[in-house]
Amino acid sequence: MTEGPNARLNPLRSAPNLLTLLRICLAPFLVAAILEDRFRLSFALFISAGLTDAMDGLLARVLKQRTVLGQYLDPVADKLLLSTLFMVLMHKGLIPTTVTVLVIGRDVAILLVAAILYAAVGKREFGPSVFGKANTAAQVTAIAVVLLHQLTNARWVMILRIVSLNATVGLTVASGLHYAWLVSRSLGSPSNGHVPDK
């Protein structure tokens, strides 16, 4: 998309991508806080990261600044943050190994399939699926509740922790199978077919 002559005068044009980059920059601080058992700080940082995720999408729509860079950068930031946190929380014994292995395994499998498709048939359009969005929401909720559980033993937090982790497992499997089905269907369609990335 061609930018107008006043594009450089409006610093908000790059705001969505800057927020996404901020989310990526928060990852090492969040990991350090968890490893140091500073769960109040880690919970606050995770909520802040979640707010940047919501805000970058909102700003992109309001300012009409949806860029190709943003379309690739946003899911990368999400995967980097969530996958890293699942591994760190597993290392701390706060999330079952099975859950983390499923989450990481699914993401790696999707990346490998995407790379193979790109190499075999050229560039394809990748967009989020309903199952993928639900899975991401479940993962975000699970991490938030696991961190919150370190701050309080309230019964509703304990119940929500179990529910969110079970939902993560179920949606990880469901979204992975859904992705595999869409990929197999797209192989018989024209090369510009649409395959989700989440």
N, C-alpha and C. Protein backbone atom coordinates (compact mmCIF):
# COMPACT_ATOMS: atom_id res chain seq x y z
N MET A 1 0.85 -1.19 0.00
CA MET A 1 0.00 0.00 0.00
C MET A 1 0.88 1.23 0.00
N THR A 2 0.60 2.19 -0.87
CA THR A 2 1.40 3.41 -0.97
C THR A 2 1.02 4.37 0.13
N GLU A 3 2.00 4.91 0.81
CA GLU A 3 1.76 5.83 1.89
C GLU A 3 1.66 7.24 1.35
N GLY A 4 0.81 8.05 1.98
CA GLY A 4 0.63 9.43 1.58
C GLY A 4 1.81 10.28 1.99
N PRO A 5 1.86 11.52 1.51
CA PRO A 5 2.99 12.39 1.81
C PRO A 5 3.11 12.76 3.27
N ASN A 6 2.00 12.64 4.03
CA ASN A 6 2.04 13.02 5.45
C ASN A 6 2.28 11.84 6.37
N ALA A 7 2.60 10.67 5.79
CA ALA A 7 2.74 9.46 6.60
C ALA A 7 3.81 9.62 7.66
N ARG A 8 4.93 10.26 7.29
CA ARG A 8 6.03 10.38 8.25
C ARG A 8 5.72 11.35 9.38
N LEU A 9 4.70 12.17 9.18
CA LEU A 9 4.36 13.16 10.20
C LEU A 9 3.49 12.56 11.29
N ASN A 10 2.98 11.36 11.08
CA ASN A 10 2.08 10.73 12.03
C ASN A 10 2.77 9.56 12.71
N PRO A 11 3.31 9.75 13.92
CA PRO A 11 4.04 8.67 14.60
C PRO A 11 3.16 7.49 14.96
N LEU A 12 1.84 7.66 15.01
CA LEU A 12 0.94 6.57 15.37
C LEU A 12 0.82 5.53 14.26
N ARG A 13 1.33 5.85 13.08
CA ARG A 13 1.25 4.89 11.98
C ARG A 13 1.99 3.61 12.32
N SER A 14 3.05 3.73 13.09
CA SER A 14 3.84 2.55 13.45
C SER A 14 3.49 2.01 14.83
N ALA A 15 2.50 2.59 15.48
CA ALA A 15 2.14 2.19 16.85
C ALA A 15 1.80 0.71 16.98
N PRO A 16 0.98 0.11 16.09
CA PRO A 16 0.66 -1.32 16.26
C PRO A 16 1.89 -2.21 16.26
N ASN A 17 2.80 -1.98 15.31
CA ASN A 17 4.01 -2.80 15.24
C ASN A 17 4.94 -2.54 16.41
N LEU A 18 4.98 -1.30 16.91
CA LEU A 18 5.80 -0.99 18.08
C LEU A 18 5.28 -1.72 19.31
N LEU A 19 3.96 -1.83 19.44
CA LEU A 19 3.38 -2.56 20.56
C LEU A 19 3.71 -4.05 20.47
N THR A 20 3.69 -4.58 19.25
CA THR A 20 4.04 -5.98 19.07
C THR A 20 5.51 -6.22 19.44
N LEU A 21 6.38 -5.30 19.03
CA LEU A 21 7.80 -5.42 19.39
C LEU A 21 7.99 -5.30 20.90
N LEU A 22 7.18 -4.45 21.53
CA LEU A 22 7.24 -4.32 22.99
C LEU A 22 6.88 -5.64 23.66
N ARG A 23 5.89 -6.34 23.10
CA ARG A 23 5.50 -7.64 23.66
C ARG A 23 6.65 -8.64 23.56
N ILE A 24 7.37 -8.59 22.45
CA ILE A 24 8.52 -9.48 22.29
C ILE A 24 9.60 -9.12 23.31
N CYS A 25 9.81 -7.82 23.53
CA CYS A 25 10.83 -7.37 24.48
C CYS A 25 10.49 -7.73 25.92
N LEU A 26 9.18 -7.87 26.22
CA LEU A 26 8.76 -8.21 27.57
C LEU A 26 9.08 -9.67 27.92
N ALA A 27 9.22 -10.51 26.90
CA ALA A 27 9.41 -11.96 27.13
C ALA A 27 10.58 -12.29 28.05
N PRO A 28 11.80 -11.77 27.82
CA PRO A 28 12.91 -12.15 28.71
C PRO A 28 12.72 -11.67 30.14
N PHE A 29 12.11 -10.51 30.33
CA PHE A 29 11.86 -10.01 31.69
C PHE A 29 10.83 -10.88 32.40
N LEU A 30 9.84 -11.33 31.65
CA LEU A 30 8.81 -12.20 32.21
C LEU A 30 9.39 -13.55 32.60
N VAL A 31 10.25 -14.09 31.74
CA VAL A 31 10.91 -15.36 32.04
C VAL A 31 11.78 -15.23 33.28
N ALA A 32 12.54 -14.14 33.37
CA ALA A 32 13.42 -13.92 34.53
C ALA A 32 12.60 -13.82 35.81
N ALA A 33 11.48 -13.13 35.76
CA ALA A 33 10.64 -12.97 36.95
C ALA A 33 10.10 -14.32 37.43
N ILE A 34 9.71 -15.18 36.49
CA ILE A 34 9.20 -16.50 36.87
C ILE A 34 10.31 -17.34 37.47
N LEU A 35 11.47 -17.34 36.84
CA LEU A 35 12.59 -18.15 37.33
C LEU A 35 13.05 -17.70 38.72
N GLU A 36 12.84 -16.42 39.02
CA GLU A 36 13.21 -15.89 40.33
C GLU A 36 12.06 -15.94 41.33
N ASP A 37 10.97 -16.62 40.95
CA ASP A 37 9.79 -16.77 41.81
C ASP A 37 9.15 -15.44 42.18
N ARG A 38 9.28 -14.48 41.33
CA ARG A 38 8.63 -13.17 41.55
C ARG A 38 7.31 -13.19 40.78
N PHE A 39 6.35 -13.93 41.34
CA PHE A 39 5.11 -14.20 40.62
C PHE A 39 4.17 -12.99 40.54
N ARG A 40 4.24 -12.11 41.50
CA ARG A 40 3.42 -10.90 41.42
C ARG A 40 3.87 -10.06 40.22
N LEU A 41 5.19 -9.92 40.08
CA LEU A 41 5.73 -9.17 38.95
C LEU A 41 5.46 -9.89 37.63
N SER A 42 5.63 -11.21 37.62
CA SER A 42 5.42 -11.96 36.38
C SER A 42 3.96 -11.90 35.94
N PHE A 43 3.04 -11.95 36.91
CA PHE A 43 1.62 -11.84 36.57
C PHE A 43 1.32 -10.46 35.97
N ALA A 44 1.88 -9.42 36.56
CA ALA A 44 1.67 -8.06 36.05
C ALA A 44 2.26 -7.90 34.65
N LEU A 45 3.44 -8.46 34.42
CA LEU A 45 4.07 -8.37 33.11
C LEU A 45 3.27 -9.13 32.06
N PHE A 46 2.71 -10.28 32.46
CA PHE A 46 1.93 -11.07 31.51
C PHE A 46 0.65 -10.34 31.13
N ILE A 47 0.01 -9.72 32.11
CA ILE A 47 -1.19 -8.94 31.82
C ILE A 47 -0.84 -7.77 30.90
N SER A 48 0.30 -7.15 31.14
CA SER A 48 0.74 -6.05 30.29
C SER A 48 0.97 -6.53 28.86
N ALA A 49 1.58 -7.71 28.72
CA ALA A 49 1.80 -8.28 27.39
C ALA A 49 0.46 -8.55 26.69
N GLY A 50 -0.51 -9.04 27.47
CA GLY A 50 -1.84 -9.29 26.91
C GLY A 50 -2.51 -8.02 26.44
N LEU A 51 -2.31 -6.93 27.19
CA LEU A 51 -2.90 -5.65 26.80
C LEU A 51 -2.27 -5.13 25.52
N THR A 52 -0.95 -5.33 25.35
CA THR A 52 -0.32 -4.88 24.11
C THR A 52 -0.85 -5.69 22.93
N ASP A 53 -1.16 -6.96 23.16
CA ASP A 53 -1.71 -7.81 22.10
C ASP A 53 -3.07 -7.29 21.67
N ALA A 54 -3.89 -6.92 22.65
CA ALA A 54 -5.22 -6.39 22.33
C ALA A 54 -5.13 -5.02 21.68
N MET A 55 -4.22 -4.19 22.18
CA MET A 55 -4.11 -2.82 21.69
C MET A 55 -3.54 -2.75 20.28
N ASP A 56 -2.58 -3.63 19.94
CA ASP A 56 -1.99 -3.52 18.60
C ASP A 56 -3.01 -3.85 17.52
N GLY A 57 -3.87 -4.85 17.81
CA GLY A 57 -4.91 -5.17 16.85
C GLY A 57 -5.94 -4.06 16.74
N LEU A 58 -6.30 -3.46 17.88
CA LEU A 58 -7.27 -2.37 17.89
C LEU A 58 -6.74 -1.16 17.13
N LEU A 59 -5.48 -0.80 17.42
CA LEU A 59 -4.89 0.35 16.73
C LEU A 59 -4.76 0.10 15.23
N ALA A 60 -4.41 -1.13 14.87
CA ALA A 60 -4.27 -1.45 13.45
C ALA A 60 -5.59 -1.25 12.71
N ARG A 61 -6.71 -1.60 13.39
CA ARG A 61 -8.02 -1.42 12.75
C ARG A 61 -8.45 0.04 12.76
N VAL A 62 -8.29 0.71 13.91
CA VAL A 62 -8.74 2.10 14.03
C VAL A 62 -7.93 3.02 13.11
N LEU A 63 -6.61 2.83 13.10
CA LEU A 63 -5.74 3.69 12.29
C LEU A 63 -5.59 3.20 10.86
N LYS A 64 -6.25 2.03 10.58
CA LYS A 64 -6.15 1.43 9.25
C LYS A 64 -4.68 1.21 8.87
N GLN A 65 -3.95 0.66 9.82
CA GLN A 65 -2.52 0.43 9.62
C GLN A 65 -2.19 -1.07 9.65
N ARG A 66 -2.98 -1.87 8.97
CA ARG A 66 -2.67 -3.30 8.87
C ARG A 66 -1.59 -3.48 7.82
N THR A 67 -0.42 -3.88 8.25
CA THR A 67 0.71 -4.04 7.35
C THR A 67 1.09 -5.50 7.20
N VAL A 68 1.83 -5.81 6.14
CA VAL A 68 2.31 -7.18 5.94
C VAL A 68 3.23 -7.58 7.08
N LEU A 69 4.08 -6.63 7.52
CA LEU A 69 4.97 -6.90 8.65
C LEU A 69 4.18 -7.25 9.89
N GLY A 70 3.12 -6.49 10.15
CA GLY A 70 2.29 -6.75 11.32
C GLY A 70 1.60 -8.09 11.27
N GLN A 71 1.17 -8.51 10.07
CA GLN A 71 0.49 -9.79 9.92
C GLN A 71 1.41 -10.96 10.25
N TYR A 72 2.69 -10.81 9.97
CA TYR A 72 3.64 -11.86 10.30
C TYR A 72 4.19 -11.71 11.71
N LEU A 73 4.41 -10.46 12.13
CA LEU A 73 5.05 -10.20 13.42
C LEU A 73 4.16 -10.56 14.60
N ASP A 74 2.86 -10.28 14.48
CA ASP A 74 1.95 -10.51 15.61
C ASP A 74 1.87 -11.98 16.01
N PRO A 75 1.61 -12.92 15.08
CA PRO A 75 1.58 -14.33 15.49
C PRO A 75 2.94 -14.84 15.96
N VAL A 76 4.03 -14.29 15.40
CA VAL A 76 5.36 -14.69 15.85
C VAL A 76 5.56 -14.28 17.30
N ALA A 77 5.13 -13.06 17.63
CA ALA A 77 5.25 -12.57 19.01
C ALA A 77 4.44 -13.43 19.95
N ASP A 78 3.22 -13.80 19.53
CA ASP A 78 2.37 -14.64 20.37
C ASP A 78 3.01 -16.01 20.62
N LYS A 79 3.47 -16.64 19.53
CA LYS A 79 4.07 -17.97 19.66
C LYS A 79 5.34 -17.93 20.51
N LEU A 80 6.16 -16.90 20.29
CA LEU A 80 7.40 -16.77 21.05
C LEU A 80 7.12 -16.65 22.53
N LEU A 81 6.18 -15.78 22.87
CA LEU A 81 5.86 -15.55 24.28
C LEU A 81 5.22 -16.77 24.92
N LEU A 82 4.17 -17.31 24.29
CA LEU A 82 3.42 -18.41 24.89
C LEU A 82 4.27 -19.69 24.98
N SER A 83 4.97 -20.03 23.90
CA SER A 83 5.78 -21.24 23.92
C SER A 83 6.88 -21.17 24.96
N THR A 84 7.51 -20.00 25.05
CA THR A 84 8.57 -19.81 26.04
C THR A 84 8.03 -19.95 27.45
N LEU A 85 6.88 -19.37 27.70
CA LEU A 85 6.30 -19.42 29.05
C LEU A 85 5.86 -20.83 29.42
N PHE A 86 5.32 -21.58 28.46
CA PHE A 86 4.95 -22.96 28.76
C PHE A 86 6.19 -23.77 29.16
N MET A 87 7.28 -23.56 28.45
CA MET A 87 8.51 -24.29 28.78
C MET A 87 9.06 -23.90 30.15
N VAL A 88 9.03 -22.60 30.45
CA VAL A 88 9.55 -22.12 31.73
C VAL A 88 8.67 -22.61 32.88
N LEU A 89 7.36 -22.54 32.70
CA LEU A 89 6.45 -22.99 33.75
C LEU A 89 6.52 -24.50 33.94
N MET A 90 6.78 -25.23 32.87
CA MET A 90 7.00 -26.68 32.99
C MET A 90 8.29 -26.93 33.78
N HIS A 91 9.32 -26.15 33.48
CA HIS A 91 10.59 -26.28 34.19
C HIS A 91 10.41 -26.03 35.69
N LYS A 92 9.51 -25.11 36.03
CA LYS A 92 9.24 -24.79 37.44
C LYS A 92 8.27 -25.78 38.07
N GLY A 93 7.75 -26.71 37.29
CA GLY A 93 6.81 -27.69 37.82
C GLY A 93 5.41 -27.15 38.01
N LEU A 94 5.08 -26.05 37.33
CA LEU A 94 3.77 -25.41 37.50
C LEU A 94 2.77 -25.80 36.42
N ILE A 95 3.27 -26.37 35.32
CA ILE A 95 2.41 -26.85 34.24
C ILE A 95 2.86 -28.27 33.89
N PRO A 96 1.92 -29.20 33.74
CA PRO A 96 2.28 -30.59 33.41
C PRO A 96 3.09 -30.69 32.12
N THR A 97 4.03 -31.61 32.11
CA THR A 97 4.88 -31.80 30.93
C THR A 97 4.05 -32.14 29.69
N THR A 98 3.01 -32.94 29.86
CA THR A 98 2.18 -33.36 28.74
C THR A 98 1.57 -32.16 28.02
N VAL A 99 1.10 -31.19 28.79
CA VAL A 99 0.48 -30.00 28.20
C VAL A 99 1.50 -29.24 27.37
N THR A 100 2.68 -29.03 27.93
CA THR A 100 3.72 -28.27 27.22
C THR A 100 4.18 -28.99 25.97
N VAL A 101 4.36 -30.31 26.05
CA VAL A 101 4.80 -31.09 24.89
C VAL A 101 3.76 -30.99 23.77
N LEU A 102 2.47 -31.05 24.09
CA LEU A 102 1.42 -30.93 23.09
C LEU A 102 1.43 -29.56 22.43
N VAL A 103 1.55 -28.52 23.26
CA VAL A 103 1.53 -27.15 22.75
C VAL A 103 2.73 -26.90 21.83
N ILE A 104 3.93 -27.24 22.30
CA ILE A 104 5.14 -27.00 21.50
C ILE A 104 5.15 -27.90 20.27
N GLY A 105 4.74 -29.16 20.45
CA GLY A 105 4.74 -30.10 19.33
C GLY A 105 3.82 -29.65 18.21
N ARG A 106 2.64 -29.15 18.57
CA ARG A 106 1.69 -28.66 17.56
C ARG A 106 2.27 -27.49 16.78
N ASP A 107 2.85 -26.53 17.51
CA ASP A 107 3.40 -25.35 16.85
C ASP A 107 4.56 -25.71 15.92
N VAL A 108 5.42 -26.62 16.37
CA VAL A 108 6.55 -27.05 15.54
C VAL A 108 6.04 -27.77 14.29
N ALA A 109 5.04 -28.62 14.47
CA ALA A 109 4.48 -29.35 13.33
C ALA A 109 3.89 -28.40 12.30
N ILE A 110 3.16 -27.38 12.78
CA ILE A 110 2.56 -26.41 11.86
C ILE A 110 3.63 -25.63 11.12
N LEU A 111 4.69 -25.24 11.81
CA LEU A 111 5.77 -24.51 11.17
C LEU A 111 6.44 -25.37 10.09
N LEU A 112 6.65 -26.65 10.39
CA LEU A 112 7.28 -27.55 9.43
C LEU A 112 6.39 -27.74 8.20
N VAL A 113 5.09 -27.93 8.43
CA VAL A 113 4.17 -28.10 7.31
C VAL A 113 4.12 -26.84 6.46
N ALA A 114 4.08 -25.67 7.12
CA ALA A 114 4.06 -24.40 6.39
C ALA A 114 5.31 -24.24 5.54
N ALA A 115 6.46 -24.62 6.10
CA ALA A 115 7.72 -24.51 5.36
C ALA A 115 7.73 -25.45 4.16
N ILE A 116 7.21 -26.67 4.35
CA ILE A 116 7.16 -27.64 3.27
C ILE A 116 6.22 -27.16 2.15
N LEU A 117 5.05 -26.64 2.55
CA LEU A 117 4.11 -26.14 1.56
C LEU A 117 4.70 -24.97 0.78
N TYR A 118 5.41 -24.11 1.49
CA TYR A 118 6.03 -22.95 0.83
C TYR A 118 7.07 -23.41 -0.18
N ALA A 119 7.88 -24.40 0.22
CA ALA A 119 8.92 -24.91 -0.67
C ALA A 119 8.33 -25.66 -1.85
N ALA A 120 7.20 -26.35 -1.63
CA ALA A 120 6.62 -27.19 -2.68
C ALA A 120 5.76 -26.41 -3.67
N VAL A 121 4.95 -25.49 -3.16
CA VAL A 121 3.99 -24.81 -4.06
C VAL A 121 4.11 -23.30 -4.05
N GLY A 122 5.10 -22.78 -3.37
CA GLY A 122 5.27 -21.33 -3.35
C GLY A 122 4.49 -20.68 -2.24
N LYS A 123 4.46 -19.37 -2.26
CA LYS A 123 3.82 -18.59 -1.19
C LYS A 123 2.34 -18.88 -1.13
N ARG A 124 1.87 -19.10 0.10
CA ARG A 124 0.45 -19.32 0.33
C ARG A 124 -0.06 -18.31 1.33
N GLU A 125 -1.36 -18.12 1.37
CA GLU A 125 -1.96 -17.18 2.32
C GLU A 125 -2.26 -17.92 3.61
N PHE A 126 -1.77 -17.38 4.72
CA PHE A 126 -1.97 -18.02 6.01
C PHE A 126 -2.80 -17.08 6.91
N GLY A 127 -3.89 -17.60 7.45
CA GLY A 127 -4.73 -16.80 8.34
C GLY A 127 -5.21 -17.64 9.50
N PRO A 128 -5.64 -17.02 10.58
CA PRO A 128 -6.05 -17.76 11.78
C PRO A 128 -7.38 -18.48 11.58
N SER A 129 -7.51 -19.66 12.19
CA SER A 129 -8.76 -20.41 12.16
C SER A 129 -9.49 -20.20 13.48
N VAL A 130 -10.76 -20.57 13.51
CA VAL A 130 -11.55 -20.44 14.74
C VAL A 130 -10.95 -21.30 15.85
N PHE A 131 -10.55 -22.53 15.50
CA PHE A 131 -9.95 -23.41 16.50
C PHE A 131 -8.62 -22.85 16.99
N GLY A 132 -7.86 -22.26 16.07
CA GLY A 132 -6.58 -21.67 16.45
C GLY A 132 -6.74 -20.52 17.42
N LYS A 133 -7.73 -19.65 17.14
CA LYS A 133 -7.99 -18.52 18.03
C LYS A 133 -8.44 -19.00 19.41
N ALA A 134 -9.31 -20.01 19.42
CA ALA A 134 -9.78 -20.55 20.69
C ALA A 134 -8.63 -21.19 21.47
N ASN A 135 -7.74 -21.85 20.75
CA ASN A 135 -6.59 -22.48 21.39
C ASN A 135 -5.66 -21.43 22.00
N THR A 136 -5.42 -20.36 21.27
CA THR A 136 -4.58 -19.27 21.80
C THR A 136 -5.21 -18.66 23.04
N ALA A 137 -6.53 -18.46 23.01
CA ALA A 137 -7.23 -17.90 24.16
C ALA A 137 -7.11 -18.82 25.37
N ALA A 138 -7.22 -20.13 25.13
CA ALA A 138 -7.10 -21.11 26.22
C ALA A 138 -5.69 -21.09 26.81
N GLN A 139 -4.68 -20.98 25.94
CA GLN A 139 -3.30 -20.94 26.41
C GLN A 139 -3.02 -19.69 27.25
N VAL A 140 -3.51 -18.56 26.78
CA VAL A 140 -3.33 -17.30 27.52
C VAL A 140 -4.00 -17.40 28.89
N THR A 141 -5.23 -17.93 28.90
CA THR A 141 -5.95 -18.07 30.17
C THR A 141 -5.23 -19.01 31.11
N ALA A 142 -4.73 -20.12 30.57
CA ALA A 142 -4.03 -21.12 31.39
C ALA A 142 -2.80 -20.51 32.05
N ILE A 143 -1.99 -19.79 31.28
CA ILE A 143 -0.78 -19.19 31.84
C ILE A 143 -1.13 -18.15 32.89
N ALA A 144 -2.12 -17.31 32.59
CA ALA A 144 -2.52 -16.27 33.54
C ALA A 144 -3.00 -16.88 34.86
N VAL A 145 -3.80 -17.94 34.77
CA VAL A 145 -4.35 -18.56 35.97
C VAL A 145 -3.27 -19.30 36.75
N VAL A 146 -2.34 -19.95 36.03
CA VAL A 146 -1.24 -20.64 36.70
C VAL A 146 -0.40 -19.63 37.50
N LEU A 147 -0.14 -18.48 36.91
CA LEU A 147 0.61 -17.44 37.62
C LEU A 147 -0.20 -16.90 38.80
N LEU A 148 -1.49 -16.68 38.57
CA LEU A 148 -2.35 -16.17 39.64
C LEU A 148 -2.44 -17.16 40.79
N HIS A 149 -2.39 -18.45 40.46
CA HIS A 149 -2.48 -19.48 41.49
C HIS A 149 -1.30 -19.41 42.46
N GLN A 150 -0.19 -18.84 42.02
CA GLN A 150 0.96 -18.67 42.89
C GLN A 150 0.77 -17.52 43.87
N LEU A 151 -0.25 -16.72 43.62
CA LEU A 151 -0.54 -15.57 44.49
C LEU A 151 -1.72 -15.81 45.42
N THR A 152 -2.59 -16.73 45.03
CA THR A 152 -3.77 -17.01 45.86
C THR A 152 -4.21 -18.46 45.68
N ASN A 153 -4.75 -19.04 46.75
CA ASN A 153 -5.27 -20.40 46.70
C ASN A 153 -6.79 -20.41 46.67
N ALA A 154 -7.37 -19.32 46.19
CA ALA A 154 -8.83 -19.24 46.10
C ALA A 154 -9.37 -20.43 45.29
N ARG A 155 -10.49 -20.95 45.72
CA ARG A 155 -11.05 -22.15 45.08
C ARG A 155 -11.34 -21.92 43.61
N TRP A 156 -11.87 -20.73 43.26
CA TRP A 156 -12.22 -20.48 41.87
C TRP A 156 -10.98 -20.45 40.98
N VAL A 157 -9.86 -20.02 41.55
CA VAL A 157 -8.62 -19.99 40.79
C VAL A 157 -8.13 -21.42 40.53
N MET A 158 -8.25 -22.27 41.55
CA MET A 158 -7.83 -23.67 41.40
C MET A 158 -8.69 -24.38 40.36
N ILE A 159 -10.00 -24.13 40.40
CA ILE A 159 -10.91 -24.76 39.44
C ILE A 159 -10.62 -24.26 38.03
N LEU A 160 -10.44 -22.93 37.90
CA LEU A 160 -10.18 -22.35 36.58
C LEU A 160 -8.84 -22.83 36.02
N ARG A 161 -7.88 -23.08 36.89
CA ARG A 161 -6.59 -23.61 36.44
C ARG A 161 -6.76 -24.98 35.78
N ILE A 162 -7.53 -25.85 36.45
CA ILE A 162 -7.77 -27.19 35.90
C ILE A 162 -8.53 -27.12 34.59
N VAL A 163 -9.58 -26.28 34.57
CA VAL A 163 -10.41 -26.16 33.37
C VAL A 163 -9.60 -25.60 32.19
N SER A 164 -8.81 -24.57 32.45
CA SER A 164 -8.06 -23.93 31.37
C SER A 164 -6.96 -24.85 30.81
N LEU A 165 -6.32 -25.62 31.69
CA LEU A 165 -5.30 -26.56 31.22
C LEU A 165 -5.92 -27.69 30.40
N ASN A 166 -7.08 -28.19 30.86
CA ASN A 166 -7.78 -29.22 30.10
C ASN A 166 -8.26 -28.68 28.75
N ALA A 167 -8.74 -27.43 28.77
CA ALA A 167 -9.19 -26.80 27.52
C ALA A 167 -8.02 -26.62 26.56
N THR A 168 -6.85 -26.28 27.10
CA THR A 168 -5.66 -26.13 26.27
C THR A 168 -5.30 -27.44 25.58
N VAL A 169 -5.35 -28.52 26.33
CA VAL A 169 -5.04 -29.84 25.76
C VAL A 169 -6.05 -30.19 24.66
N GLY A 170 -7.33 -30.05 24.98
CA GLY A 170 -8.37 -30.40 24.01
C GLY A 170 -8.30 -29.56 22.74
N LEU A 171 -8.13 -28.24 22.91
CA LEU A 171 -8.11 -27.35 21.75
C LEU A 171 -6.81 -27.47 20.97
N THR A 172 -5.72 -27.83 21.64
CA THR A 172 -4.46 -28.05 20.93
C THR A 172 -4.60 -29.22 19.98
N VAL A 173 -5.18 -30.30 20.46
CA VAL A 173 -5.40 -31.49 19.62
C VAL A 173 -6.41 -31.17 18.52
N ALA A 174 -7.52 -30.53 18.89
CA ALA A 174 -8.57 -30.24 17.91
C ALA A 174 -8.08 -29.30 16.81
N SER A 175 -7.37 -28.25 17.21
CA SER A 175 -6.88 -27.29 16.22
C SER A 175 -5.81 -27.91 15.33
N GLY A 176 -4.99 -28.80 15.90
CA GLY A 176 -3.99 -29.49 15.10
C GLY A 176 -4.63 -30.39 14.06
N LEU A 177 -5.66 -31.14 14.45
CA LEU A 177 -6.37 -32.01 13.51
C LEU A 177 -7.10 -31.19 12.45
N HIS A 178 -7.68 -30.07 12.89
CA HIS A 178 -8.38 -29.19 11.95
C HIS A 178 -7.41 -28.62 10.92
N TYR A 179 -6.24 -28.24 11.38
CA TYR A 179 -5.23 -27.71 10.48
C TYR A 179 -4.80 -28.78 9.48
N ALA A 180 -4.58 -29.99 9.97
CA ALA A 180 -4.18 -31.09 9.08
C ALA A 180 -5.25 -31.36 8.02
N TRP A 181 -6.52 -31.29 8.43
CA TRP A 181 -7.61 -31.50 7.49
C TRP A 181 -7.64 -30.42 6.43
N LEU A 182 -7.46 -29.16 6.84
CA LEU A 182 -7.47 -28.05 5.89
C LEU A 182 -6.29 -28.13 4.93
N VAL A 183 -5.15 -28.55 5.44
CA VAL A 183 -3.97 -28.69 4.59
C VAL A 183 -4.21 -29.77 3.53
N SER A 184 -4.73 -30.92 3.97
CA SER A 184 -4.98 -32.01 3.03
C SER A 184 -6.00 -31.60 1.98
N ARG A 185 -7.00 -30.81 2.39
CA ARG A 185 -8.01 -30.35 1.43
C ARG A 185 -7.43 -29.34 0.46
N SER A 186 -6.53 -28.48 0.98
CA SER A 186 -5.96 -27.43 0.13
C SER A 186 -5.00 -27.98 -0.92
N LEU A 187 -4.44 -29.16 -0.65
CA LEU A 187 -3.50 -29.74 -1.61
C LEU A 187 -4.18 -30.09 -2.93
N GLY A 188 -5.51 -30.26 -2.87
CA GLY A 188 -6.22 -30.57 -4.10
C GLY A 188 -6.83 -29.35 -4.75
N SER A 189 -6.60 -28.16 -4.12
CA SER A 189 -7.15 -26.91 -4.64
C SER A 189 -6.06 -26.15 -5.38
N PRO A 190 -6.40 -25.04 -6.06
CA PRO A 190 -5.39 -24.23 -6.74
C PRO A 190 -4.32 -23.76 -5.77
N SER A 191 -3.15 -23.43 -6.26
CA SER A 191 -1.99 -23.11 -5.42
C SER A 191 -2.15 -21.88 -4.57
N ASN A 192 -3.21 -21.08 -4.81
CA ASN A 192 -3.40 -19.90 -3.97
C ASN A 192 -4.38 -20.16 -2.85
N GLY A 193 -4.53 -21.44 -2.46
CA GLY A 193 -5.46 -21.81 -1.40
C GLY A 193 -5.12 -21.15 -0.07
N HIS A 194 -6.07 -21.21 0.83
CA HIS A 194 -5.92 -20.55 2.10
C HIS A 194 -5.75 -21.59 3.22
N VAL A 195 -4.68 -21.49 3.97
CA VAL A 195 -4.44 -22.39 5.08
C VAL A 195 -4.19 -21.57 6.33
N PRO A 196 -4.84 -21.88 7.45
CA PRO A 196 -4.65 -21.10 8.67
C PRO A 196 -3.28 -21.33 9.26
N ASP A 197 -2.81 -20.34 10.03
CA ASP A 197 -1.50 -20.46 10.65
C ASP A 197 -1.57 -20.73 12.13
N LYS A 198 -2.77 -20.75 12.72
CA LYS A 198 -2.88 -20.97 14.17
C LYS A 198 -3.81 -22.12 14.44
